[in-house]
Amino acid sequence: MTAENSLRAEAAKRILIKDGAYGTQVQQRRLQEADYRGGLDLAKDQRGNNDLLNVTKPEIVRSICESFADAGAEILATNTFNANAISQADYGAEALVGDINRAAARITREVADRDGKRRWVAGAMGPTNKTLSLSPNVNDPAYREVDFDQVKAVYREQVDALVDGGVDFILVETIFDTLNAKAAIMATLEAEQALGRELPLMISMTLTDLSGRNLSGHTVEAFWASVRHAKPITIGLNCSFGAAQLRPHLAALSAIADTLVMAYPNAGLPNELGEYDEAAAETAAQVREWATSGLVNIVGGCCGTTPQHIAEIAGAVRDCTPRAVPAAPQATLLAGLEPMSIAA
C-alpha cells in the first residue's frame, strides 16, 4: 500500500496527529553560534539557522523529532522550513541545501520507522523570504526580486533532496503568497515526471489578518480554487493565529475542500515579547472543538507548540469522529482574489 493510500485509510477511521514546532524546541536549547556552525567554513554568522542543525547537530534534530513522536505525532515533518537556496543565502549556506534536506529527511525517516508504528514523513517547504505577487519597492509596483522560474528551480532542488532522503509527502506550508505556492506545486509535479511516480502534496495556507486573506490577497475559498488542480492529499491552514482565531476560516475551507483537511495553529497569539504562552490544555480544548464540529482530519501545532501541546491535542481528539470529505462540486471553480463558481 502506498503512503497516500495508507494515510487516507487511517484518516477515514480517526483524526490523525501531526507534530509541532521545531523552532520553539531549538530556542529552548539556547544554542551558541558555534553550535549552529559546527566545523563548517561559512563566512556569515549562523545563529538562527535551524535548518543547518540537520547537518551540524543531527542529535538535536533527532531528539526533537523523537519527542514529538513520543507525544503521539504520526505525521512527522522535516526540519527544513528554510532549507531552500533563497533563505539559506542569508547565511551564505545555499550550497548546502541538498545536504541539509537529505539529512533532515533521513533523520525523520529513521524516527518514523524506529518501532514499527505507522508514521508518515512530510518534507516541509516554507514560503521563502521573497514574494512573487508583490513588489518590495513601493515606488515600483512592477519590480520583483525573483521570478517564477527562479523560485520553481529553488523548490525543485529542495524537493529532489527531500525525496532522496525518503519522505512520503511534500508539505508546502505557511503559504503567504499563492504564486509562490504555485511554483512549489510545479516543482513537485516536474519532479514526479522525472521520477516516474507520484509525490503526494500537502498544502497549507497562512492568513495575514483576521479578514481571512493571505498576503497576496486570497481568501481561503479563492486559495483552494487556485491550488485544487494539484489534487493535494491535504489542504489546510497553519501558523497565522491561535485555534480560536483560525476557526471561522477553517470552517469555510472545510466546507468546500474535497480532500483531507489538516490544520495546525500557533499556541495562541504572541505576547508583547513575541513569545507564545497559551497552555497546552487550552490549545487542545480549542482543537477538540474543531474536531467535534467535524472540521478536521489531521491536527497538530505550529509556532509555540511543544511536545506537551501535541500530547494534549492527541488526547483531546482521540474519541472524535474525523471530518467527512464532501464530494467535489459539479461546477467550474475559478478565482482572482475571490472565488467564482460556474454551475454545470
C-alpha atoms as a PDB file:
ATOM      1  CA  MET A   1       0.000   0.000   0.000  1.00  0.00           C
ATOM      2  CA  THR A   2       1.321   3.439  -0.889  1.00  0.00           C
ATOM      3  CA  ALA A   3       1.895   6.090   1.765  1.00  0.00           C
ATOM      4  CA  GLU A   4      -1.017   8.112   0.371  1.00  0.00           C
ATOM      5  CA  ASN A   5      -3.402   5.151   0.463  1.00  0.00           C
ATOM      6  CA  SER A   6      -2.386   4.189   3.993  1.00  0.00           C
ATOM      7  CA  LEU A   7      -2.826   7.776   5.190  1.00  0.00           C
ATOM      8  CA  ARG A   8      -6.256   8.056   3.622  1.00  0.00           C
ATOM      9  CA  ALA A   9      -7.280   4.697   5.083  1.00  0.00           C
ATOM     10  CA  GLU A  10      -6.257   5.700   8.600  1.00  0.00           C
ATOM     11  CA  ALA A  11      -7.759   9.195   8.248  1.00  0.00           C
ATOM     12  CA  ALA A  12     -11.114   7.589   7.435  1.00  0.00           C
ATOM     13  CA  LYS A  13     -11.066   5.899  10.853  1.00  0.00           C
ATOM     14  CA  ARG A  14      -9.775   8.635  13.143  1.00  0.00           C
ATOM     15  CA  ILE A  15      -8.273  12.092  13.373  1.00  0.00           C
ATOM     16  CA  LEU A  16      -4.531  11.897  12.771  1.00  0.00           C
ATOM     17  CA  ILE A  17      -1.860  13.854  14.630  1.00  0.00           C
ATOM     18  CA  LYS A  18       0.875  15.999  13.120  1.00  0.00           C
ATOM     19  CA  ASP A  19       3.897  17.206  15.103  1.00  0.00           C
ATOM     20  CA  GLY A  20       4.665  20.679  16.479  1.00  0.00           C
ATOM     21  CA  ALA A  21       7.225  23.445  16.104  1.00  0.00           C
ATOM     22  CA  TYR A  22      10.938  22.719  15.705  1.00  0.00           C
ATOM     23  CA  GLY A  23      11.889  26.367  16.154  1.00  0.00           C
ATOM     24  CA  THR A  24      10.345  26.539  19.612  1.00  0.00           C
ATOM     25  CA  GLN A  25      12.300  23.488  20.729  1.00  0.00           C
ATOM     26  CA  VAL A  26      15.575  24.762  19.256  1.00  0.00           C
ATOM     27  CA  GLN A  27      15.178  28.114  21.006  1.00  0.00           C
ATOM     28  CA  GLN A  28      14.776  26.379  24.342  1.00  0.00           C
ATOM     29  CA  ARG A  29      18.223  24.856  23.951  1.00  0.00           C
ATOM     30  CA  ARG A  30      19.966  28.279  23.971  1.00  0.00           C
ATOM     31  CA  LEU A  31      22.467  27.303  21.298  1.00  0.00           C
ATOM     32  CA  GLN A  32      25.546  29.371  20.524  1.00  0.00           C
ATOM     33  CA  GLU A  33      26.800  30.312  17.064  1.00  0.00           C
ATOM     34  CA  ALA A  34      29.402  27.557  17.198  1.00  0.00           C
ATOM     35  CA  ASP A  35      26.638  25.002  17.769  1.00  0.00           C
ATOM     36  CA  TYR A  36      24.925  26.028  14.546  1.00  0.00           C
ATOM     37  CA  ARG A  37      28.142  26.280  12.565  1.00  0.00           C
ATOM     38  CA  GLY A  38      29.742  23.019  13.654  1.00  0.00           C
ATOM     39  CA  GLY A  39      33.011  22.645  11.799  1.00  0.00           C
ATOM     40  CA  LEU A  40      31.763  24.253   8.585  1.00  0.00           C
ATOM     41  CA  ASP A  41      33.706  27.052   6.931  1.00  0.00           C
ATOM     42  CA  LEU A  42      30.975  29.641   6.433  1.00  0.00           C
ATOM     43  CA  ALA A  43      31.621  33.371   6.242  1.00  0.00           C
ATOM     44  CA  LYS A  44      28.390  34.575   7.858  1.00  0.00           C
ATOM     45  CA  ASP A  45      27.022  34.237  11.382  1.00  0.00           C
ATOM     46  CA  GLN A  46      24.896  31.063  11.569  1.00  0.00           C
ATOM     47  CA  ARG A  47      22.853  31.851  14.681  1.00  0.00           C
ATOM     48  CA  GLY A  48      19.202  31.108  13.995  1.00  0.00           C
ATOM     49  CA  ASN A  49      19.895  28.817  11.050  1.00  0.00           C
ATOM     50  CA  ASN A  50      17.842  25.976  12.488  1.00  0.00           C
ATOM     51  CA  ASP A  51      17.911  24.019   9.231  1.00  0.00           C
ATOM     52  CA  LEU A  52      21.708  23.766   9.309  1.00  0.00           C
ATOM     53  CA  LEU A  53      21.426  21.752  12.536  1.00  0.00           C
ATOM     54  CA  ASN A  54      20.355  18.776  10.436  1.00  0.00           C
ATOM     55  CA  VAL A  55      23.995  18.611   9.332  1.00  0.00           C
ATOM     56  CA  THR A  56      25.923  20.106  12.270  1.00  0.00           C
ATOM     57  CA  LYS A  57      23.854  18.882  15.244  1.00  0.00           C
ATOM     58  CA  PRO A  58      21.738  15.980  13.973  1.00  0.00           C
ATOM     59  CA  GLU A  59      21.365  14.624  17.511  1.00  0.00           C
ATOM     60  CA  ILE A  60      19.375  17.750  18.472  1.00  0.00           C
ATOM     61  CA  VAL A  61      17.052  17.420  15.490  1.00  0.00           C
ATOM     62  CA  ARG A  62      16.591  13.719  16.200  1.00  0.00           C
ATOM     63  CA  SER A  63      15.791  14.417  19.852  1.00  0.00           C
ATOM     64  CA  ILE A  64      13.120  16.966  18.910  1.00  0.00           C
ATOM     65  CA  CYS A  65      11.614  14.628  16.325  1.00  0.00           C
ATOM     66  CA  GLU A  66      11.555  11.770  18.834  1.00  0.00           C
ATOM     67  CA  SER A  67       9.866  13.960  21.437  1.00  0.00           C
ATOM     68  CA  PHE A  68       7.000  14.681  19.045  1.00  0.00           C
ATOM     69  CA  ALA A  69       6.711  11.013  18.073  1.00  0.00           C
ATOM     70  CA  ASP A  70       6.627  10.078  21.762  1.00  0.00           C
ATOM     71  CA  ALA A  71       3.852  12.664  22.262  1.00  0.00           C
ATOM     72  CA  GLY A  72       1.696  10.875  19.694  1.00  0.00           C
ATOM     73  CA  ALA A  73       2.541  12.556  16.399  1.00  0.00           C
ATOM     74  CA  GLU A  74       2.020  10.259  13.420  1.00  0.00           C
ATOM     75  CA  ILE A  75       2.888  12.750  10.680  1.00  0.00           C
ATOM     76  CA  LEU A  76       6.437  13.961  11.244  1.00  0.00           C
ATOM     77  CA  ALA A  77       7.592  16.975   9.240  1.00  0.00           C
ATOM     78  CA  THR A  78      11.236  17.509   8.402  1.00  0.00           C
ATOM     79  CA  ASN A  79      13.195  20.378   9.943  1.00  0.00           C
ATOM     80  CA  THR A  80      13.535  22.101   6.560  1.00  0.00           C
ATOM     81  CA  PHE A  81      11.270  25.152   6.660  1.00  0.00           C
ATOM     82  CA  ASN A  82      14.061  27.459   5.437  1.00  0.00           C
ATOM     83  CA  ALA A  83      16.176  24.810   3.704  1.00  0.00           C
ATOM     84  CA  ASN A  84      15.993  26.459   0.287  1.00  0.00           C
ATOM     85  CA  ALA A  85      18.601  28.438  -1.623  1.00  0.00           C
ATOM     86  CA  ILE A  86      16.775  31.767  -1.261  1.00  0.00           C
ATOM     87  CA  SER A  87      16.501  31.565   2.530  1.00  0.00           C
ATOM     88  CA  GLN A  88      19.913  29.974   3.024  1.00  0.00           C
ATOM     89  CA  ALA A  89      21.542  32.783   1.027  1.00  0.00           C
ATOM     90  CA  ASP A  90      21.002  34.972   4.101  1.00  0.00           C
ATOM     91  CA  TYR A  91      23.516  32.718   5.867  1.00  0.00           C
ATOM     92  CA  GLY A  92      25.816  32.140   2.911  1.00  0.00           C
ATOM     93  CA  ALA A  93      24.863  28.458   3.093  1.00  0.00           C
ATOM     94  CA  GLU A  94      22.957  27.987  -0.149  1.00  0.00           C
ATOM     95  CA  ALA A  95      25.497  25.437  -1.396  1.00  0.00           C
ATOM     96  CA  LEU A  96      24.440  23.157   1.470  1.00  0.00           C
ATOM     97  CA  VAL A  97      20.740  22.984   0.578  1.00  0.00           C
ATOM     98  CA  GLY A  98      20.914  19.439  -0.793  1.00  0.00           C
ATOM     99  CA  ASP A  99      22.864  18.136   2.188  1.00  0.00           C
ATOM    100  CA  ILE A 100      20.522  19.831   4.675  1.00  0.00           C
ATOM    101  CA  ASN A 101      17.360  18.395   3.131  1.00  0.00           C
ATOM    102  CA  ARG A 102      18.712  14.894   2.673  1.00  0.00           C
ATOM    103  CA  ALA A 103      19.981  14.815   6.255  1.00  0.00           C
ATOM    104  CA  ALA A 104      16.675  16.085   7.639  1.00  0.00           C
ATOM    105  CA  ALA A 105      14.655  13.560   5.653  1.00  0.00           C
ATOM    106  CA  ARG A 106      16.855  10.665   6.765  1.00  0.00           C
ATOM    107  CA  ILE A 107      16.673  11.669  10.425  1.00  0.00           C
ATOM    108  CA  THR A 108      12.893  11.972  10.303  1.00  0.00           C
ATOM    109  CA  ARG A 109      12.524   8.716   8.341  1.00  0.00           C
ATOM    110  CA  GLU A 110      14.592   6.839  10.920  1.00  0.00           C
ATOM    111  CA  VAL A 111      12.479   8.187  13.778  1.00  0.00           C
ATOM    112  CA  ALA A 112       9.255   7.411  11.943  1.00  0.00           C
ATOM    113  CA  ASP A 113      10.318   3.816  11.341  1.00  0.00           C
ATOM    114  CA  ARG A 114      12.061   3.164  14.657  1.00  0.00           C
ATOM    115  CA  ASP A 115       9.492   0.991  16.449  1.00  0.00           C
ATOM    116  CA  GLY A 116       7.131  -0.482  13.887  1.00  0.00           C
ATOM    117  CA  LYS A 117       4.327   2.035  14.470  1.00  0.00           C
ATOM    118  CA  ARG A 118       2.761   3.504  11.330  1.00  0.00           C
ATOM    119  CA  ARG A 119       4.010   7.041  10.819  1.00  0.00           C
ATOM    120  CA  TRP A 120       4.465   9.222   7.751  1.00  0.00           C
ATOM    121  CA  VAL A 121       7.185  11.718   6.845  1.00  0.00           C
ATOM    122  CA  ALA A 122       6.306  15.057   5.285  1.00  0.00           C
ATOM    123  CA  GLY A 123       9.070  17.030   3.607  1.00  0.00           C
ATOM    124  CA  ALA A 124       8.442  20.584   4.796  1.00  0.00           C
ATOM    125  CA  MET A 125       8.973  23.502   2.413  1.00  0.00           C
ATOM    126  CA  GLY A 126       8.407  27.041   3.681  1.00  0.00           C
ATOM    127  CA  PRO A 127       7.426  30.059   1.573  1.00  0.00           C
ATOM    128  CA  THR A 128      10.975  31.523   1.241  1.00  0.00           C
ATOM    129  CA  ASN A 129      11.505  35.170   2.210  1.00  0.00           C
ATOM    130  CA  LYS A 130      10.602  36.502  -1.252  1.00  0.00           C
ATOM    131  CA  THR A 131       7.203  37.118  -2.810  1.00  0.00           C
ATOM    132  CA  LEU A 132       6.265  36.658  -6.457  1.00  0.00           C
ATOM    133  CA  SER A 133       2.976  38.550  -6.217  1.00  0.00           C
ATOM    134  CA  LEU A 134       4.089  41.808  -4.636  1.00  0.00           C
ATOM    135  CA  SER A 135       6.830  44.332  -5.182  1.00  0.00           C
ATOM    136  CA  PRO A 136       9.175  45.059  -2.263  1.00  0.00           C
ATOM    137  CA  ASN A 137       9.625  48.561  -3.724  1.00  0.00           C
ATOM    138  CA  VAL A 138       6.642  50.857  -3.125  1.00  0.00           C
ATOM    139  CA  ASN A 139       7.924  53.174  -5.842  1.00  0.00           C
ATOM    140  CA  ASP A 140       7.999  50.423  -8.479  1.00  0.00           C
ATOM    141  CA  PRO A 141       4.969  48.100  -8.280  1.00  0.00           C
ATOM    142  CA  ALA A 142       6.218  46.034 -11.228  1.00  0.00           C
ATOM    143  CA  TYR A 143       9.552  45.204  -9.624  1.00  0.00           C
ATOM    144  CA  ARG A 144      10.216  41.670  -8.354  1.00  0.00           C
ATOM    145  CA  GLU A 145      13.324  40.373  -6.612  1.00  0.00           C
ATOM    146  CA  VAL A 146      12.771  36.917  -8.134  1.00  0.00           C
ATOM    147  CA  ASP A 147      10.750  35.450 -10.972  1.00  0.00           C
ATOM    148  CA  PHE A 148       8.584  32.334 -11.169  1.00  0.00           C
ATOM    149  CA  ASP A 149      11.195  30.135 -12.834  1.00  0.00           C
ATOM    150  CA  GLN A 150      13.809  31.038 -10.207  1.00  0.00           C
ATOM    151  CA  VAL A 151      11.501  30.151  -7.339  1.00  0.00           C
ATOM    152  CA  LYS A 152      10.413  26.945  -9.065  1.00  0.00           C
ATOM    153  CA  ALA A 153      14.054  25.931  -9.502  1.00  0.00           C
ATOM    154  CA  VAL A 154      14.770  26.629  -5.841  1.00  0.00           C
ATOM    155  CA  TYR A 155      11.858  24.440  -4.798  1.00  0.00           C
ATOM    156  CA  ARG A 156      12.833  21.707  -7.266  1.00  0.00           C
ATOM    157  CA  GLU A 157      16.265  21.461  -5.647  1.00  0.00           C
ATOM    158  CA  GLN A 158      14.600  21.046  -2.265  1.00  0.00           C
ATOM    159  CA  VAL A 159      12.021  18.511  -3.488  1.00  0.00           C
ATOM    160  CA  ASP A 160      14.685  16.342  -5.103  1.00  0.00           C
ATOM    161  CA  ALA A 161      16.783  16.230  -1.936  1.00  0.00           C
ATOM    162  CA  LEU A 162      13.813  15.530   0.336  1.00  0.00           C
ATOM    163  CA  VAL A 163      12.679  12.662  -1.870  1.00  0.00           C
ATOM    164  CA  ASP A 164      16.222  11.310  -1.984  1.00  0.00           C
ATOM    165  CA  GLY A 165      16.181  11.310   1.823  1.00  0.00           C
ATOM    166  CA  GLY A 166      12.974   9.251   1.959  1.00  0.00           C
ATOM    167  CA  VAL A 167       9.955  11.485   2.601  1.00  0.00           C
ATOM    168  CA  ASP A 168       6.424  10.254   1.886  1.00  0.00           C
ATOM    169  CA  PHE A 169       4.825  13.604   1.066  1.00  0.00           C
ATOM    170  CA  ILE A 170       5.840  17.128   0.109  1.00  0.00           C
ATOM    171  CA  LEU A 171       4.382  19.670   2.536  1.00  0.00           C
ATOM    172  CA  VAL A 172       4.158  23.204   1.141  1.00  0.00           C
ATOM    173  CA  GLU A 173       3.363  25.178   4.273  1.00  0.00           C
ATOM    174  CA  THR A 174       2.840  28.673   5.700  1.00  0.00           C
ATOM    175  CA  ILE A 175       1.841  29.947   2.252  1.00  0.00           C
ATOM    176  CA  PHE A 176       1.525  33.725   2.340  1.00  0.00           C
ATOM    177  CA  ASP A 177       1.784  34.125  -1.444  1.00  0.00           C
ATOM    178  CA  THR A 178      -0.332  31.866  -3.636  1.00  0.00           C
ATOM    179  CA  LEU A 179       2.022  32.327  -6.595  1.00  0.00           C
ATOM    180  CA  ASN A 180       4.961  31.056  -4.528  1.00  0.00           C
ATOM    181  CA  ALA A 181       2.845  28.006  -3.747  1.00  0.00           C
ATOM    182  CA  LYS A 182       2.154  27.513  -7.462  1.00  0.00           C
ATOM    183  CA  ALA A 183       5.915  27.477  -8.059  1.00  0.00           C
ATOM    184  CA  ALA A 184       6.322  24.811  -5.367  1.00  0.00           C
ATOM    185  CA  ILE A 185       3.484  22.780  -6.875  1.00  0.00           C
ATOM    186  CA  MET A 186       5.013  22.989 -10.353  1.00  0.00           C
ATOM    187  CA  ALA A 187       8.416  21.941  -8.986  1.00  0.00           C
ATOM    188  CA  THR A 188       6.829  18.905  -7.345  1.00  0.00           C
ATOM    189  CA  LEU A 189       4.912  17.946 -10.483  1.00  0.00           C
ATOM    190  CA  GLU A 190       8.097  18.185 -12.562  1.00  0.00           C
ATOM    191  CA  ALA A 191       9.913  16.021 -10.008  1.00  0.00           C
ATOM    192  CA  GLU A 192       7.083  13.474 -10.314  1.00  0.00           C
ATOM    193  CA  GLN A 193       7.580  13.300 -14.061  1.00  0.00           C
ATOM    194  CA  ALA A 194      11.330  12.849 -13.700  1.00  0.00           C
ATOM    195  CA  LEU A 195      10.899  10.081 -11.125  1.00  0.00           C
ATOM    196  CA  GLY A 196       8.013   8.361 -12.861  1.00  0.00           C
ATOM    197  CA  ARG A 197       5.969   8.148  -9.674  1.00  0.00           C
ATOM    198  CA  GLU A 198       3.570  10.283  -7.677  1.00  0.00           C
ATOM    199  CA  LEU A 199       4.724  12.673  -4.947  1.00  0.00           C
ATOM    200  CA  PRO A 200       1.612  13.426  -2.880  1.00  0.00           C
ATOM    201  CA  LEU A 201       1.272  17.072  -1.878  1.00  0.00           C
ATOM    202  CA  MET A 202       0.148  18.587   1.388  1.00  0.00           C
ATOM    203  CA  ILE A 203      -0.691  22.291   1.045  1.00  0.00           C
ATOM    204  CA  SER A 204      -1.155  24.695   3.958  1.00  0.00           C
ATOM    205  CA  MET A 205      -2.043  28.375   3.749  1.00  0.00           C
ATOM    206  CA  THR A 206      -1.314  31.060   6.336  1.00  0.00           C
ATOM    207  CA  LEU A 207      -3.500  34.120   6.916  1.00  0.00           C
ATOM    208  CA  THR A 208      -2.048  37.563   7.488  1.00  0.00           C
ATOM    209  CA  ASP A 209      -5.014  39.123   9.276  1.00  0.00           C
ATOM    210  CA  LEU A 210      -8.401  38.271  10.722  1.00  0.00           C
ATOM    211  CA  SER A 211     -10.152  39.104   7.443  1.00  0.00           C
ATOM    212  CA  GLY A 212      -9.054  35.651   6.310  1.00  0.00           C
ATOM    213  CA  ARG A 213      -6.696  36.508   3.450  1.00  0.00           C
ATOM    214  CA  ASN A 214      -3.079  35.689   2.807  1.00  0.00           C
ATOM    215  CA  LEU A 215      -0.520  38.338   1.848  1.00  0.00           C
ATOM    216  CA  SER A 216      -1.312  38.015  -1.858  1.00  0.00           C
ATOM    217  CA  GLY A 217      -4.934  38.815  -1.025  1.00  0.00           C
ATOM    218  CA  HIS A 218      -6.640  35.460  -1.485  1.00  0.00           C
ATOM    219  CA  THR A 219      -9.463  34.251   0.727  1.00  0.00           C
ATOM    220  CA  VAL A 220      -9.357  30.601   1.760  1.00  0.00           C
ATOM    221  CA  GLU A 221     -12.000  29.823  -0.866  1.00  0.00           C
ATOM    222  CA  ALA A 222     -10.004  31.568  -3.610  1.00  0.00           C
ATOM    223  CA  PHE A 223      -6.832  29.859  -2.469  1.00  0.00           C
ATOM    224  CA  TRP A 224      -8.492  26.452  -2.715  1.00  0.00           C
ATOM    225  CA  ALA A 225      -9.697  27.280  -6.225  1.00  0.00           C
ATOM    226  CA  SER A 226      -6.116  28.212  -7.151  1.00  0.00           C
ATOM    227  CA  VAL A 227      -4.418  25.029  -5.939  1.00  0.00           C
ATOM    228  CA  ARG A 228      -7.138  22.389  -6.237  1.00  0.00           C
ATOM    229  CA  HIS A 229      -5.794  21.287  -9.650  1.00  0.00           C
ATOM    230  CA  ALA A 230      -2.766  19.788  -7.853  1.00  0.00           C
ATOM    231  CA  LYS A 231      -5.084  17.280  -6.132  1.00  0.00           C
ATOM    232  CA  PRO A 232      -3.359  17.591  -2.741  1.00  0.00           C
ATOM    233  CA  ILE A 233      -3.828  14.810  -0.230  1.00  0.00           C
ATOM    234  CA  THR A 234      -4.422  17.549   2.376  1.00  0.00           C
ATOM    235  CA  ILE A 235      -5.340  21.212   2.309  1.00  0.00           C
ATOM    236  CA  GLY A 236      -5.431  23.423   5.353  1.00  0.00           C
ATOM    237  CA  LEU A 237      -4.198  26.265   7.478  1.00  0.00           C
ATOM    238  CA  ASN A 238      -1.224  26.688   9.759  1.00  0.00           C
ATOM    239  CA  CYS A 239       0.516  29.389  11.765  1.00  0.00           C
ATOM    240  CA  SER A 240      -1.419  32.698  11.446  1.00  0.00           C
ATOM    241  CA  PHE A 241      -3.124  32.758  14.848  1.00  0.00           C
ATOM    242  CA  GLY A 242      -4.285  30.550  17.642  1.00  0.00           C
ATOM    243  CA  ALA A 243      -7.012  27.965  17.168  1.00  0.00           C
ATOM    244  CA  ALA A 244      -9.810  30.306  18.259  1.00  0.00           C
ATOM    245  CA  GLN A 245      -8.981  32.927  15.618  1.00  0.00           C
ATOM    246  CA  LEU A 246      -8.478  30.341  12.872  1.00  0.00           C
ATOM    247  CA  ARG A 247     -11.792  28.619  13.461  1.00  0.00           C
ATOM    248  CA  PRO A 248     -14.119  30.569  11.103  1.00  0.00           C
ATOM    249  CA  HIS A 249     -11.632  30.390   8.248  1.00  0.00           C
ATOM    250  CA  LEU A 250     -11.035  26.702   8.841  1.00  0.00           C
ATOM    251  CA  ALA A 251     -14.790  26.138   8.751  1.00  0.00           C
ATOM    252  CA  ALA A 252     -15.031  27.913   5.401  1.00  0.00           C
ATOM    253  CA  LEU A 253     -12.270  25.774   3.901  1.00  0.00           C
ATOM    254  CA  SER A 254     -13.579  22.562   5.423  1.00  0.00           C
ATOM    255  CA  ALA A 255     -16.976  23.094   3.821  1.00  0.00           C
ATOM    256  CA  ILE A 256     -15.643  23.171   0.259  1.00  0.00           C
ATOM    257  CA  ALA A 257     -12.456  21.087   0.099  1.00  0.00           C
ATOM    258  CA  ASP A 258     -12.966  17.623  -1.408  1.00  0.00           C
ATOM    259  CA  THR A 259      -9.833  16.259   0.261  1.00  0.00           C
ATOM    260  CA  LEU A 260      -8.486  15.852   3.789  1.00  0.00           C
ATOM    261  CA  VAL A 261      -8.177  18.996   5.914  1.00  0.00           C
ATOM    262  CA  MET A 262      -5.095  19.448   8.098  1.00  0.00           C
ATOM    263  CA  ALA A 263      -4.782  22.396  10.470  1.00  0.00           C
ATOM    264  CA  TYR A 264      -2.069  23.238  12.959  1.00  0.00           C
ATOM    265  CA  PRO A 265      -2.405  26.523  14.851  1.00  0.00           C
ATOM    266  CA  ASN A 266       0.029  28.523  16.909  1.00  0.00           C
ATOM    267  CA  ALA A 267      -0.114  28.264  20.692  1.00  0.00           C
ATOM    268  CA  GLY A 268      -2.422  31.259  20.861  1.00  0.00           C
ATOM    269  CA  LEU A 269      -1.326  34.789  19.985  1.00  0.00           C
ATOM    270  CA  PRO A 270       2.174  36.048  20.842  1.00  0.00           C
ATOM    271  CA  ASN A 271       2.652  38.219  23.905  1.00  0.00           C
ATOM    272  CA  GLU A 272       4.418  41.588  23.914  1.00  0.00           C
ATOM    273  CA  LEU A 273       7.790  39.800  23.781  1.00  0.00           C
ATOM    274  CA  GLY A 274       6.791  37.730  20.784  1.00  0.00           C
ATOM    275  CA  GLU A 275       6.528  34.560  22.845  1.00  0.00           C
ATOM    276  CA  TYR A 276       3.680  32.057  22.915  1.00  0.00           C
ATOM    277  CA  ASP A 277       2.353  31.193  26.331  1.00  0.00           C
ATOM    278  CA  GLU A 278      -1.018  29.532  25.704  1.00  0.00           C
ATOM    279  CA  ALA A 279      -1.174  26.428  27.896  1.00  0.00           C
ATOM    280  CA  ALA A 280      -1.234  23.049  26.174  1.00  0.00           C
ATOM    281  CA  ALA A 281      -4.604  22.168  27.696  1.00  0.00           C
ATOM    282  CA  GLU A 282      -6.158  25.389  26.377  1.00  0.00           C
ATOM    283  CA  THR A 283      -4.884  24.814  22.840  1.00  0.00           C
ATOM    284  CA  ALA A 284      -6.098  21.231  22.975  1.00  0.00           C
ATOM    285  CA  ALA A 285      -9.575  22.259  24.141  1.00  0.00           C
ATOM    286  CA  GLN A 286      -9.946  24.607  21.185  1.00  0.00           C
ATOM    287  CA  VAL A 287      -8.697  21.990  18.724  1.00  0.00           C
ATOM    288  CA  ARG A 288     -11.154  19.496  20.218  1.00  0.00           C
ATOM    289  CA  GLU A 289     -13.957  21.924  19.365  1.00  0.00           C
ATOM    290  CA  TRP A 290     -12.763  21.869  15.753  1.00  0.00           C
ATOM    291  CA  ALA A 291     -12.908  18.095  15.851  1.00  0.00           C
ATOM    292  CA  THR A 292     -16.340  17.785  17.459  1.00  0.00           C
ATOM    293  CA  SER A 293     -17.656  20.255  14.861  1.00  0.00           C
ATOM    294  CA  GLY A 294     -16.432  17.995  12.047  1.00  0.00           C
ATOM    295  CA  LEU A 295     -13.892  20.444  10.619  1.00  0.00           C
ATOM    296  CA  VAL A 296     -10.650  18.440  10.544  1.00  0.00           C
ATOM    297  CA  ASN A 297      -8.972  15.192   9.575  1.00  0.00           C
ATOM    298  CA  ILE A 298      -5.452  15.959  10.821  1.00  0.00           C
ATOM    299  CA  VAL A 299      -4.359  18.325  13.601  1.00  0.00           C
ATOM    300  CA  GLY A 300      -1.061  19.437  15.077  1.00  0.00           C
ATOM    301  CA  GLY A 301       0.753  22.542  16.204  1.00  0.00           C
ATOM    302  CA  CYS A 302       2.765  25.433  14.790  1.00  0.00           C
ATOM    303  CA  CYS A 303       4.641  28.307  16.497  1.00  0.00           C
ATOM    304  CA  GLY A 304       4.994  27.933  20.237  1.00  0.00           C
ATOM    305  CA  THR A 305       3.669  24.381  20.394  1.00  0.00           C
ATOM    306  CA  THR A 306       5.663  21.815  22.332  1.00  0.00           C
ATOM    307  CA  PRO A 307       5.511  18.026  22.699  1.00  0.00           C
ATOM    308  CA  GLN A 308       3.162  18.668  25.625  1.00  0.00           C
ATOM    309  CA  HIS A 309       0.807  20.562  23.301  1.00  0.00           C
ATOM    310  CA  ILE A 310       0.868  17.668  20.828  1.00  0.00           C
ATOM    311  CA  ALA A 311       0.217  15.117  23.567  1.00  0.00           C
ATOM    312  CA  GLU A 312      -2.725  17.157  24.884  1.00  0.00           C
ATOM    313  CA  ILE A 313      -4.137  17.599  21.369  1.00  0.00           C
ATOM    314  CA  ALA A 314      -3.796  13.879  20.660  1.00  0.00           C
ATOM    315  CA  GLY A 315      -5.667  13.053  23.849  1.00  0.00           C
ATOM    316  CA  ALA A 316      -8.334  15.656  23.200  1.00  0.00           C
ATOM    317  CA  VAL A 317      -9.334  14.327  19.761  1.00  0.00           C
ATOM    318  CA  ARG A 318      -8.835  10.613  20.379  1.00  0.00           C
ATOM    319  CA  ASP A 319     -12.569   9.884  20.622  1.00  0.00           C
ATOM    320  CA  CYS A 320     -13.661  12.331  17.896  1.00  0.00           C
ATOM    321  CA  THR A 321     -15.012  11.353  14.505  1.00  0.00           C
ATOM    322  CA  PRO A 322     -12.955  12.593  11.555  1.00  0.00           C
ATOM    323  CA  ARG A 323     -14.409  15.116   9.147  1.00  0.00           C
ATOM    324  CA  ALA A 324     -16.414  13.617   6.295  1.00  0.00           C
ATOM    325  CA  VAL A 325     -14.819  14.619   2.990  1.00  0.00           C
ATOM    326  CA  PRO A 326     -17.508  16.167   0.754  1.00  0.00           C
ATOM    327  CA  ALA A 327     -17.979  15.213  -2.883  1.00  0.00           C
ATOM    328  CA  ALA A 328     -16.437  17.528  -5.457  1.00  0.00           C
ATOM    329  CA  PRO A 329     -18.954  20.096  -6.692  1.00  0.00           C
ATOM    330  CA  GLN A 330     -20.191  19.766 -10.251  1.00  0.00           C
ATOM    331  CA  ALA A 331     -19.003  23.228 -11.211  1.00  0.00           C
ATOM    332  CA  THR A 332     -16.109  25.119 -12.721  1.00  0.00           C
ATOM    333  CA  LEU A 333     -14.214  26.791  -9.889  1.00  0.00           C
ATOM    334  CA  LEU A 334     -12.092  29.836 -10.668  1.00  0.00           C
ATOM    335  CA  ALA A 335     -10.541  32.585  -8.617  1.00  0.00           C
ATOM    336  CA  GLY A 336      -8.991  36.007  -8.617  1.00  0.00           C
ATOM    337  CA  LEU A 337      -8.811  37.335  -5.094  1.00  0.00           C
ATOM    338  CA  GLU A 338     -12.320  35.935  -4.639  1.00  0.00           C
ATOM    339  CA  PRO A 339     -13.689  32.599  -5.849  1.00  0.00           C
ATOM    340  CA  MET A 340     -16.065  32.248  -8.770  1.00  0.00           C
ATOM    341  CA  SER A 341     -18.127  29.090  -9.264  1.00  0.00           C
ATOM    342  CA  ILE A 342     -19.842  28.369 -12.584  1.00  0.00           C
ATOM    343  CA  ALA A 343     -22.511  25.718 -12.119  1.00  0.00           C
ATOM    344  CA  ALA A 344     -22.607  22.801 -14.524  1.00  0.00           C
END
